[in-house]
Amino acid sequence: MGIEIEKKFLVKNDSYKNLAEAEIYSQGFLSTEKERVVRVRISKEKGWLTVKGLSKGAKRSEFEYEIPVNDAAFMIDKICQKPNILKKRYHIPWGKFVWEVDEFLNENEGLVIAEIELEAENQEFQLPDWIGEEVTGEEKYYNAYLIKHPFKSWK
């Protein structure tokens, strides 16, 4: 069984931009229930279908499968809940890890989240100087939440 252990953080400045090139990610959701999130994503001209289970702290089940990019594009355009998520992602090596920094676009413009995947919830890691407050487990920072409550609508 696939398990994802991921911690999320807000980003306090844009110095990370000097450390990597951004890639565009387009994604939509077939299901956004807490117990089962089903996401379709396109990145680097490849399509992906991902199923995630209920989060328990920083841990949840995750299954990801490559699918034909044309199928992914059709699902995002015609089947997925709206609005879709569009973001720039930076993969930034830092110590023994790779941080993923997402700059959200369109309805979620202005939101920047950094994530780190770990092998264990209590695994130690160094925080880069551009990392801010930890928001792991806070529902409003999950992509599945953002399609129903876009960042631009937050008060």
C-alpha atoms as a PDB file:
ATOM      1  CA  MET A   1       0.000   0.000   0.000  1.00  0.00           C
ATOM      2  CA  GLY A   2       1.250   3.506  -0.839  1.00  0.00           C
ATOM      3  CA  ILE A   3       1.700   5.903   2.076  1.00  0.00           C
ATOM      4  CA  GLU A   4       2.441   9.612   1.774  1.00  0.00           C
ATOM      5  CA  ILE A   5       4.018  11.438   4.713  1.00  0.00           C
ATOM      6  CA  GLU A   6       4.021  15.126   3.888  1.00  0.00           C
ATOM      7  CA  LYS A   7       4.396  18.335   5.863  1.00  0.00           C
ATOM      8  CA  LYS A   8       3.107  21.666   4.527  1.00  0.00           C
ATOM      9  CA  PHE A   9       4.368  25.173   5.234  1.00  0.00           C
ATOM     10  CA  LEU A  10       3.590  28.707   4.205  1.00  0.00           C
ATOM     11  CA  VAL A  11       6.395  30.507   2.364  1.00  0.00           C
ATOM     12  CA  LYS A  12       7.605  33.836   3.742  1.00  0.00           C
ATOM     13  CA  ASN A  13       9.668  35.170   0.830  1.00  0.00           C
ATOM     14  CA  ASP A  14      10.448  34.370  -2.802  1.00  0.00           C
ATOM     15  CA  SER A  15      14.168  33.579  -2.525  1.00  0.00           C
ATOM     16  CA  TYR A  16      13.337  29.951  -3.450  1.00  0.00           C
ATOM     17  CA  LYS A  17      12.780  31.144  -7.054  1.00  0.00           C
ATOM     18  CA  ASN A  18      16.539  31.433  -7.543  1.00  0.00           C
ATOM     19  CA  LEU A  19      17.011  27.748  -6.691  1.00  0.00           C
ATOM     20  CA  ALA A  20      14.969  26.004  -9.419  1.00  0.00           C
ATOM     21  CA  GLU A  21      12.929  26.417 -12.585  1.00  0.00           C
ATOM     22  CA  ALA A  22       9.147  26.264 -12.328  1.00  0.00           C
ATOM     23  CA  GLU A  23       6.938  23.715 -14.063  1.00  0.00           C
ATOM     24  CA  ILE A  24       3.233  24.234 -14.761  1.00  0.00           C
ATOM     25  CA  TYR A  25       0.797  21.815 -13.133  1.00  0.00           C
ATOM     26  CA  SER A  26      -2.846  21.598 -14.155  1.00  0.00           C
ATOM     27  CA  GLN A  27      -5.157  19.493 -12.044  1.00  0.00           C
ATOM     28  CA  GLY A  28      -8.775  18.728 -11.391  1.00  0.00           C
ATOM     29  CA  PHE A  29     -10.681  16.648  -8.878  1.00  0.00           C
ATOM     30  CA  LEU A  30     -13.147  13.841  -9.475  1.00  0.00           C
ATOM     31  CA  SER A  31     -13.795  13.525  -5.718  1.00  0.00           C
ATOM     32  CA  THR A  32     -12.963  15.907  -2.869  1.00  0.00           C
ATOM     33  CA  GLU A  33     -14.424  13.989   0.068  1.00  0.00           C
ATOM     34  CA  LYS A  34     -12.051  13.863   3.055  1.00  0.00           C
ATOM     35  CA  GLU A  35     -12.077  10.070   3.026  1.00  0.00           C
ATOM     36  CA  ARG A  36     -11.250   9.814  -0.677  1.00  0.00           C
ATOM     37  CA  VAL A  37      -9.702  12.449  -2.882  1.00  0.00           C
ATOM     38  CA  VAL A  38      -9.319  11.549  -6.555  1.00  0.00           C
ATOM     39  CA  ARG A  39      -7.150  13.921  -8.577  1.00  0.00           C
ATOM     40  CA  VAL A  40      -6.243  14.140 -12.264  1.00  0.00           C
ATOM     41  CA  ARG A  41      -3.049  16.017 -13.068  1.00  0.00           C
ATOM     42  CA  ILE A  42      -0.981  17.037 -16.062  1.00  0.00           C
ATOM     43  CA  SER A  43       2.683  17.966 -15.709  1.00  0.00           C
ATOM     44  CA  LYS A  44       5.612  17.655 -18.093  1.00  0.00           C
ATOM     45  CA  GLU A  45       3.292  16.436 -20.880  1.00  0.00           C
ATOM     46  CA  LYS A  46       2.252  13.426 -18.762  1.00  0.00           C
ATOM     47  CA  GLY A  47      -1.080  12.587 -17.173  1.00  0.00           C
ATOM     48  CA  TRP A  48      -1.574  11.185 -13.673  1.00  0.00           C
ATOM     49  CA  LEU A  49      -4.489   9.786 -11.688  1.00  0.00           C
ATOM     50  CA  THR A  50      -4.027   9.929  -7.921  1.00  0.00           C
ATOM     51  CA  VAL A  51      -6.223   8.515  -5.160  1.00  0.00           C
ATOM     52  CA  LYS A  52      -5.617   9.706  -1.595  1.00  0.00           C
ATOM     53  CA  GLY A  53      -7.203   8.494   1.630  1.00  0.00           C
ATOM     54  CA  LEU A  54      -8.071  10.289   4.851  1.00  0.00           C
ATOM     55  CA  SER A  55      -5.233  12.342   6.363  1.00  0.00           C
ATOM     56  CA  LYS A  56      -4.061  11.431   9.855  1.00  0.00           C
ATOM     57  CA  GLY A  57      -1.573  14.107  10.828  1.00  0.00           C
ATOM     58  CA  ALA A  58       1.043  14.203   8.077  1.00  0.00           C
ATOM     59  CA  LYS A  59       0.230  10.669   6.848  1.00  0.00           C
ATOM     60  CA  ARG A  60      -2.297   9.270   4.386  1.00  0.00           C
ATOM     61  CA  SER A  61      -2.618   6.517   1.811  1.00  0.00           C
ATOM     62  CA  GLU A  62      -1.755   7.512  -1.742  1.00  0.00           C
ATOM     63  CA  PHE A  63      -1.902   5.649  -5.044  1.00  0.00           C
ATOM     64  CA  GLU A  64      -0.683   7.325  -8.233  1.00  0.00           C
ATOM     65  CA  TYR A  65      -0.835   6.013 -11.799  1.00  0.00           C
ATOM     66  CA  GLU A  66       0.349   7.449 -15.091  1.00  0.00           C
ATOM     67  CA  ILE A  67      -2.478   7.766 -17.638  1.00  0.00           C
ATOM     68  CA  PRO A  68      -2.510   9.015 -21.239  1.00  0.00           C
ATOM     69  CA  VAL A  69      -2.154  12.811 -21.259  1.00  0.00           C
ATOM     70  CA  ASN A  70      -5.109  13.174 -23.639  1.00  0.00           C
ATOM     71  CA  ASP A  71      -7.321  11.245 -21.208  1.00  0.00           C
ATOM     72  CA  ALA A  72      -6.127  13.468 -18.345  1.00  0.00           C
ATOM     73  CA  ALA A  73      -6.818  16.635 -20.370  1.00  0.00           C
ATOM     74  CA  PHE A  74     -10.331  15.454 -21.242  1.00  0.00           C
ATOM     75  CA  MET A  75     -11.121  14.603 -17.600  1.00  0.00           C
ATOM     76  CA  ILE A  76      -9.794  17.946 -16.332  1.00  0.00           C
ATOM     77  CA  ASP A  77     -11.736  19.866 -18.977  1.00  0.00           C
ATOM     78  CA  LYS A  78     -15.021  17.913 -19.066  1.00  0.00           C
ATOM     79  CA  ILE A  79     -15.447  15.743 -15.952  1.00  0.00           C
ATOM     80  CA  CYS A  80     -13.601  17.255 -12.985  1.00  0.00           C
ATOM     81  CA  GLN A  81     -15.168  19.658 -10.499  1.00  0.00           C
ATOM     82  CA  LYS A  82     -14.562  23.321 -11.273  1.00  0.00           C
ATOM     83  CA  PRO A  83     -12.580  25.466 -10.972  1.00  0.00           C
ATOM     84  CA  ASN A  84      -9.434  23.523 -11.798  1.00  0.00           C
ATOM     85  CA  ILE A  85      -6.162  24.172 -10.020  1.00  0.00           C
ATOM     86  CA  LEU A  86      -3.307  25.737 -11.967  1.00  0.00           C
ATOM     87  CA  LYS A  87       0.048  26.307 -10.326  1.00  0.00           C
ATOM     88  CA  LYS A  88       3.767  26.706 -10.838  1.00  0.00           C
ATOM     89  CA  ARG A  89       5.818  24.107  -8.975  1.00  0.00           C
ATOM     90  CA  TYR A  90       9.480  24.422  -8.034  1.00  0.00           C
ATOM     91  CA  HIS A  91      11.446  21.275  -7.019  1.00  0.00           C
ATOM     92  CA  ILE A  92      14.199  22.484  -4.698  1.00  0.00           C
ATOM     93  CA  PRO A  93      16.907  20.145  -3.364  1.00  0.00           C
ATOM     94  CA  TRP A  94      17.720  20.995   0.256  1.00  0.00           C
ATOM     95  CA  GLY A  95      19.904  18.692   2.308  1.00  0.00           C
ATOM     96  CA  LYS A  96      18.691  15.103   1.846  1.00  0.00           C
ATOM     97  CA  PHE A  97      15.256  16.210   0.673  1.00  0.00           C
ATOM     98  CA  VAL A  98      13.508  17.920  -2.204  1.00  0.00           C
ATOM     99  CA  TRP A  99      11.049  20.657  -1.288  1.00  0.00           C
ATOM    100  CA  GLU A 100       8.113  21.325  -3.595  1.00  0.00           C
ATOM    101  CA  VAL A 101       6.992  24.954  -3.652  1.00  0.00           C
ATOM    102  CA  ASP A 102       3.647  25.666  -5.295  1.00  0.00           C
ATOM    103  CA  GLU A 103       2.690  29.148  -6.502  1.00  0.00           C
ATOM    104  CA  PHE A 104      -1.020  29.005  -7.187  1.00  0.00           C
ATOM    105  CA  LEU A 105      -2.521  30.854 -10.149  1.00  0.00           C
ATOM    106  CA  ASN A 106      -5.978  32.076 -11.232  1.00  0.00           C
ATOM    107  CA  GLU A 107      -8.550  31.917  -8.386  1.00  0.00           C
ATOM    108  CA  ASN A 108      -5.824  30.945  -5.906  1.00  0.00           C
ATOM    109  CA  GLU A 109      -3.218  33.502  -6.955  1.00  0.00           C
ATOM    110  CA  GLY A 110      -1.218  34.814  -4.024  1.00  0.00           C
ATOM    111  CA  LEU A 111      -1.089  31.514  -2.154  1.00  0.00           C
ATOM    112  CA  VAL A 112       2.349  29.878  -1.942  1.00  0.00           C
ATOM    113  CA  ILE A 113       2.784  26.552  -0.134  1.00  0.00           C
ATOM    114  CA  ALA A 114       5.922  24.453   0.408  1.00  0.00           C
ATOM    115  CA  GLU A 115       5.773  20.701   1.008  1.00  0.00           C
ATOM    116  CA  ILE A 116       8.323  18.126   2.053  1.00  0.00           C
ATOM    117  CA  GLU A 117       7.817  14.358   1.815  1.00  0.00           C
ATOM    118  CA  LEU A 118       9.326  12.325   4.625  1.00  0.00           C
ATOM    119  CA  GLU A 119       9.954   8.645   5.331  1.00  0.00           C
ATOM    120  CA  ALA A 120       8.573   8.933   8.892  1.00  0.00           C
ATOM    121  CA  GLU A 121       6.403  11.553  10.622  1.00  0.00           C
ATOM    122  CA  ASN A 122       9.092  12.243  13.241  1.00  0.00           C
ATOM    123  CA  GLN A 123      11.972  12.423  10.730  1.00  0.00           C
ATOM    124  CA  GLU A 124      14.198  15.450  11.274  1.00  0.00           C
ATOM    125  CA  PHE A 125      14.916  17.948   8.507  1.00  0.00           C
ATOM    126  CA  GLN A 126      16.310  21.451   8.123  1.00  0.00           C
ATOM    127  CA  LEU A 127      14.016  24.340   7.288  1.00  0.00           C
ATOM    128  CA  PRO A 128      15.191  26.651   4.525  1.00  0.00           C
ATOM    129  CA  ASP A 129      15.136  30.348   5.445  1.00  0.00           C
ATOM    130  CA  TRP A 130      12.164  30.964   3.115  1.00  0.00           C
ATOM    131  CA  ILE A 131       9.904  28.570   5.056  1.00  0.00           C
ATOM    132  CA  GLY A 132       7.269  30.086   7.319  1.00  0.00           C
ATOM    133  CA  GLU A 133       4.496  28.695   9.526  1.00  0.00           C
ATOM    134  CA  GLU A 134       3.683  24.982   9.381  1.00  0.00           C
ATOM    135  CA  VAL A 135       0.131  24.294   8.151  1.00  0.00           C
ATOM    136  CA  THR A 136       0.183  20.477   7.997  1.00  0.00           C
ATOM    137  CA  GLY A 137      -3.308  19.131   8.589  1.00  0.00           C
ATOM    138  CA  GLU A 138      -5.044  22.483   8.052  1.00  0.00           C
ATOM    139  CA  GLU A 139      -7.774  21.625   5.551  1.00  0.00           C
ATOM    140  CA  LYS A 140      -7.875  25.037   3.903  1.00  0.00           C
ATOM    141  CA  TYR A 141      -4.384  24.508   2.464  1.00  0.00           C
ATOM    142  CA  TYR A 142      -5.288  21.316   0.607  1.00  0.00           C
ATOM    143  CA  ASN A 143      -5.828  21.608  -3.150  1.00  0.00           C
ATOM    144  CA  ALA A 144      -9.150  19.750  -2.876  1.00  0.00           C
ATOM    145  CA  TYR A 145     -10.401  22.481  -0.500  1.00  0.00           C
ATOM    146  CA  LEU A 146      -9.205  25.292  -2.773  1.00  0.00           C
ATOM    147  CA  ILE A 147     -11.543  24.356  -5.628  1.00  0.00           C
ATOM    148  CA  LYS A 148     -14.558  25.002  -3.378  1.00  0.00           C
ATOM    149  CA  HIS A 149     -12.995  27.879  -1.406  1.00  0.00           C
ATOM    150  CA  PRO A 150     -10.489  29.691  -3.640  1.00  0.00           C
ATOM    151  CA  PHE A 151      -7.777  31.707  -1.927  1.00  0.00           C
ATOM    152  CA  LYS A 152      -9.061  34.968  -3.457  1.00  0.00           C
ATOM    153  CA  SER A 153     -12.319  34.506  -1.483  1.00  0.00           C
ATOM    154  CA  TRP A 154     -10.583  34.162   1.914  1.00  0.00           C
ATOM    155  CA  LYS A 155     -10.966  37.052   4.348  1.00  0.00           C
END
